[in-house]
Amino acid sequence: MDEEALLGAAVDADAVLFIDRLPGSSLIVGTPMGAARPRTEEPFSPETRARLVRKAVKAVSTGAERTDAQDVAFGLRQLTDIIAKALSPGINDPTTAVHALSHSSSSALLCDLAHRDLGPRLLRDGQHQVRVVLQRPDLENLLDLAVAQPLRYGAAEPAVLARILMLLRELSWNTAAGQHPPIVAALARLRSTTAVQDFHAADHSRLTELAQQVEQALAGRWTHDRAH
């Protein structure tokens, strides 16, 4: 997305642009990637509409494959693919899955992204009026991308569930209270998944303890593991 060009196109047409396709998402020729409306009640003239469409399309670059340019979810998608492949029946490599969820991978990336400006990006003109709204993933989108498939494919592996809980704990510690709802929802989902698994009592106990540690981190408390 050439933000400067999109803003210029919107100002030139006295319009507000809404680009609702995220960088990295799939585009099909002939289908809309956004919308525009006049900033005033006066409708676009045919010439203004055509010029706006031409400039807006020119400001968006497309390619055959995803890249990391402006695509904050791309790295997480790559890591999630590694995890899903490692947990597939043909490979069955939970160690790799746990590593990909660890500090060096999904957890570290999520904690870093949580400190950034997530969600829709607003471009304003010289009078501070919103002219362009660019859709961007928020923390809920990114967290779901990071844990939904590992939770689904690793539901029967205590080590994977434990690492997801650790990820939620680490993310809880690195986020403000306003960012906690998707973490709380993910924790509830994980607890429901764990409750129906036929694990050894020791595994259930450990996962319960980790879930409690997530709640403590959400409350601003970090309890160190007891020595065994």
Protein backbone atom coordinates (compact mmCIF):
# COMPACT_ATOMS: atom_id res chain seq x y z
CA MET A 1 0.00 0.00 0.00
CA ASP A 2 1.45 3.35 -1.08
CA GLU A 3 -0.09 5.34 1.77
CA GLU A 4 0.95 8.73 0.42
CA ALA A 5 -0.60 7.98 -2.97
CA LEU A 6 -3.82 6.67 -1.41
CA LEU A 7 -4.11 9.77 0.75
CA GLY A 8 -3.47 11.99 -2.26
CA ALA A 9 -6.15 10.19 -4.28
CA ALA A 10 -8.68 10.62 -1.48
CA VAL A 11 -7.92 14.31 -1.02
CA ASP A 12 -8.04 14.92 -4.78
CA ALA A 13 -11.54 13.38 -4.98
CA ASP A 14 -12.65 14.86 -1.64
CA ALA A 15 -13.38 11.29 -0.58
CA VAL A 16 -12.87 8.84 2.25
CA LEU A 17 -11.28 5.56 1.18
CA PHE A 18 -11.77 2.26 2.96
CA ILE A 19 -9.25 -0.46 2.02
CA ASP A 20 -10.58 -3.60 3.69
CA ARG A 21 -8.16 -6.17 2.30
CA LEU A 22 -5.14 -6.72 4.54
CA PRO A 23 -1.62 -6.82 3.13
CA GLY A 24 -0.93 -10.47 2.42
CA SER A 25 -4.56 -11.39 1.78
CA SER A 26 -5.74 -12.98 -1.44
CA LEU A 27 -7.13 -10.79 -4.21
CA ILE A 28 -9.23 -12.04 -7.09
CA VAL A 29 -9.36 -9.99 -10.29
CA GLY A 30 -12.67 -8.18 -10.58
CA THR A 31 -13.57 -8.32 -6.88
CA PRO A 32 -13.50 -5.20 -4.65
CA MET A 33 -10.60 -4.53 -2.30
CA GLY A 34 -12.24 -1.52 -0.73
CA ALA A 35 -14.80 1.23 -1.05
CA ALA A 36 -15.03 5.00 -1.25
CA ARG A 37 -17.59 7.59 -0.32
CA PRO A 38 -17.72 11.35 -0.86
CA ARG A 39 -16.70 13.36 2.17
CA THR A 40 -19.73 15.58 1.61
CA GLU A 41 -23.28 14.73 0.55
CA GLU A 42 -22.44 15.63 -3.05
CA PRO A 43 -22.05 12.42 -5.12
CA PHE A 44 -18.96 11.74 -7.19
CA SER A 45 -19.04 12.87 -10.78
CA PRO A 46 -18.23 10.08 -13.28
CA GLU A 47 -14.88 11.74 -13.99
CA THR A 48 -13.97 12.03 -10.29
CA ARG A 49 -14.99 8.43 -9.63
CA ALA A 50 -12.91 7.14 -12.54
CA ARG A 51 -9.88 9.20 -11.48
CA LEU A 52 -10.17 8.04 -7.88
CA VAL A 53 -10.38 4.38 -8.86
CA ARG A 54 -7.44 4.73 -11.22
CA LYS A 55 -5.23 6.38 -8.60
CA ALA A 56 -6.25 4.02 -5.81
CA VAL A 57 -5.57 0.90 -7.88
CA LYS A 58 -2.19 2.28 -8.91
CA ALA A 59 -1.30 2.82 -5.23
CA VAL A 60 -1.73 -0.88 -4.39
CA SER A 61 1.00 -3.35 -5.37
CA THR A 62 0.16 -7.01 -5.80
CA GLY A 63 2.20 -10.16 -6.38
CA ALA A 64 1.93 -13.90 -6.67
CA GLU A 65 3.17 -14.59 -3.13
CA ARG A 66 3.03 -12.99 0.31
CA THR A 67 5.98 -10.93 1.50
CA ASP A 68 6.79 -9.33 4.84
CA ALA A 69 6.28 -5.81 3.45
CA GLN A 70 3.52 -4.26 5.61
CA ASP A 71 2.24 -7.79 6.36
CA VAL A 72 2.60 -8.13 10.13
CA ALA A 73 0.85 -11.51 10.14
CA PHE A 74 3.20 -13.11 7.62
CA GLY A 75 5.81 -14.23 10.14
CA LEU A 76 3.15 -15.70 12.42
CA ARG A 77 1.57 -17.51 9.48
CA GLN A 78 4.92 -19.11 8.60
CA LEU A 79 5.46 -20.24 12.20
CA THR A 80 1.92 -21.60 12.46
CA ASP A 81 2.45 -23.60 9.28
CA ILE A 82 5.59 -25.14 10.82
CA ILE A 83 3.65 -26.03 13.98
CA ALA A 84 0.71 -27.52 12.08
CA LYS A 85 3.05 -29.59 9.93
CA ALA A 86 4.99 -30.81 12.98
CA LEU A 87 1.75 -31.92 14.64
CA SER A 88 0.42 -33.73 11.59
CA PRO A 89 0.00 -37.53 11.98
CA GLY A 90 2.62 -38.20 9.33
CA ILE A 91 5.33 -36.26 11.18
CA ASN A 92 4.22 -36.23 14.84
CA ASP A 93 7.00 -33.97 16.11
CA PRO A 94 5.65 -32.11 19.16
CA THR A 95 9.16 -30.97 20.13
CA THR A 96 9.39 -28.84 16.99
CA ALA A 97 5.88 -27.51 17.62
CA VAL A 98 6.78 -26.52 21.18
CA HIS A 99 9.97 -24.83 19.98
CA ALA A 100 8.04 -22.87 17.33
CA LEU A 101 5.68 -21.66 20.07
CA SER A 102 8.59 -20.67 22.29
CA HIS A 103 10.47 -17.48 23.08
CA SER A 104 12.37 -17.62 19.80
CA SER A 105 9.22 -17.81 17.71
CA SER A 106 5.46 -17.18 18.11
CA SER A 107 5.53 -15.99 21.71
CA ALA A 108 8.36 -13.51 21.15
CA LEU A 109 6.76 -12.22 17.97
CA LEU A 110 3.35 -11.75 19.59
CA CYS A 111 4.84 -9.96 22.60
CA ASP A 112 6.70 -7.63 20.25
CA LEU A 113 3.62 -6.94 18.10
CA ALA A 114 1.51 -6.25 21.20
CA HIS A 115 3.56 -3.08 21.78
CA ARG A 116 2.85 -1.80 18.29
CA ASP A 117 -0.04 0.14 16.78
CA LEU A 118 -2.38 -2.69 15.78
CA GLY A 119 -5.81 -2.53 14.20
CA PRO A 120 -7.03 -0.15 11.47
CA ARG A 121 -4.59 2.54 10.32
CA LEU A 122 -6.05 5.99 9.76
CA LEU A 123 -4.50 8.41 7.27
CA ARG A 124 -5.43 12.08 7.77
CA ASP A 125 -5.19 15.14 5.56
CA GLY A 126 -3.68 18.50 6.48
CA GLN A 127 -6.81 19.43 8.44
CA HIS A 128 -6.56 16.17 10.44
CA GLN A 129 -9.65 14.72 8.75
CA VAL A 130 -9.61 10.94 8.21
CA ARG A 131 -9.27 10.30 4.49
CA VAL A 132 -8.10 6.68 4.30
CA VAL A 133 -8.86 3.70 6.54
CA LEU A 134 -6.49 0.77 6.02
CA GLN A 135 -7.53 -2.54 7.52
CA ARG A 136 -4.86 -4.07 9.74
CA PRO A 137 -4.98 -7.12 12.03
CA ASP A 138 -5.49 -6.46 15.73
CA LEU A 139 -4.20 -8.50 18.64
CA GLU A 140 -7.24 -10.79 18.56
CA ASN A 141 -6.58 -11.66 14.91
CA LEU A 142 -2.88 -12.30 15.53
CA LEU A 143 -3.45 -14.38 18.66
CA ASP A 144 -6.02 -16.53 16.88
CA LEU A 145 -3.57 -17.03 14.02
CA ALA A 146 -0.85 -18.06 16.45
CA VAL A 147 -2.78 -20.52 18.63
CA ALA A 148 -5.95 -21.75 16.89
CA GLN A 149 -4.32 -24.41 14.72
CA PRO A 150 -1.72 -25.51 17.31
CA LEU A 151 -4.56 -25.90 19.81
CA ARG A 152 -6.64 -27.89 17.34
CA TYR A 153 -3.87 -30.22 16.15
CA GLY A 154 -2.01 -30.43 19.47
CA ALA A 155 -5.01 -30.94 21.74
CA ALA A 156 -3.87 -34.45 22.70
CA GLU A 157 -0.29 -33.42 23.54
CA PRO A 158 0.19 -31.95 27.06
CA ALA A 159 3.51 -30.35 26.13
CA VAL A 160 1.89 -28.35 23.33
CA LEU A 161 -0.98 -27.20 25.55
CA ALA A 162 1.50 -26.24 28.25
CA ARG A 163 3.50 -24.11 25.82
CA ILE A 164 0.38 -22.36 24.57
CA LEU A 165 -0.49 -21.52 28.17
CA MET A 166 3.01 -20.18 28.69
CA LEU A 167 2.57 -18.07 25.55
CA LEU A 168 -0.68 -16.65 26.94
CA ARG A 169 1.07 -15.90 30.23
CA GLU A 170 3.94 -14.12 28.53
CA LEU A 171 1.57 -12.16 26.31
CA SER A 172 -0.56 -11.22 29.32
CA TRP A 173 2.48 -9.75 31.02
CA ASN A 174 3.34 -7.70 27.95
CA THR A 175 -0.09 -6.19 27.31
CA ALA A 176 -2.28 -3.51 28.85
CA ALA A 177 -5.64 -4.29 30.41
CA GLY A 178 -7.47 -3.11 27.29
CA GLN A 179 -5.74 -5.84 25.26
CA HIS A 180 -6.67 -8.67 27.63
CA PRO A 181 -10.10 -9.78 26.33
CA PRO A 182 -8.74 -11.95 23.46
CA ILE A 183 -6.25 -13.53 25.88
CA VAL A 184 -9.05 -14.31 28.34
CA ALA A 185 -11.08 -15.86 25.51
CA ALA A 186 -8.12 -17.96 24.37
CA LEU A 187 -7.54 -19.15 27.94
CA ALA A 188 -11.19 -20.24 28.25
CA ARG A 189 -10.95 -22.10 24.97
CA LEU A 190 -7.78 -23.87 26.06
CA ARG A 191 -9.30 -24.87 29.38
CA SER A 192 -12.29 -26.36 27.59
CA THR A 193 -9.99 -28.33 25.30
CA THR A 194 -7.88 -29.58 28.20
CA ALA A 195 -10.89 -30.66 30.29
CA VAL A 196 -11.99 -33.29 27.75
CA GLN A 197 -8.56 -34.85 27.24
CA ASP A 198 -7.70 -38.21 28.79
CA PHE A 199 -4.45 -37.05 30.36
CA HIS A 200 -2.65 -38.41 33.40
CA ALA A 201 -3.66 -36.63 36.61
CA ALA A 202 -0.20 -35.06 36.84
CA ASP A 203 -0.60 -33.52 33.38
CA HIS A 204 -4.02 -32.12 34.25
CA SER A 205 -2.59 -30.68 37.47
CA ARG A 206 0.29 -29.01 35.66
CA LEU A 207 -1.98 -27.52 33.00
CA THR A 208 -4.36 -26.24 35.67
CA GLU A 209 -1.43 -24.58 37.44
CA LEU A 210 -0.27 -22.95 34.20
CA ALA A 211 -3.78 -21.66 33.50
CA GLN A 212 -3.82 -20.08 36.95
CA GLN A 213 -0.49 -18.44 36.20
CA VAL A 214 -2.03 -16.87 33.08
CA GLU A 215 -4.78 -15.40 35.27
CA GLN A 216 -2.17 -14.07 37.67
CA ALA A 217 -0.23 -12.44 34.83
CA LEU A 218 -3.44 -10.83 33.62
CA ALA A 219 -3.80 -9.37 37.11
CA GLY A 220 -0.24 -8.06 37.05
CA ARG A 221 1.30 -10.80 39.19
CA TRP A 222 4.10 -13.16 38.18
CA THR A 223 4.38 -16.22 40.39
CA HIS A 224 7.56 -18.22 40.04
CA ASP A 225 7.30 -21.99 39.78
CA ARG A 226 7.86 -23.87 42.97
CA ALA A 227 11.07 -25.89 43.18
CA HIS A 228 10.51 -29.63 42.71
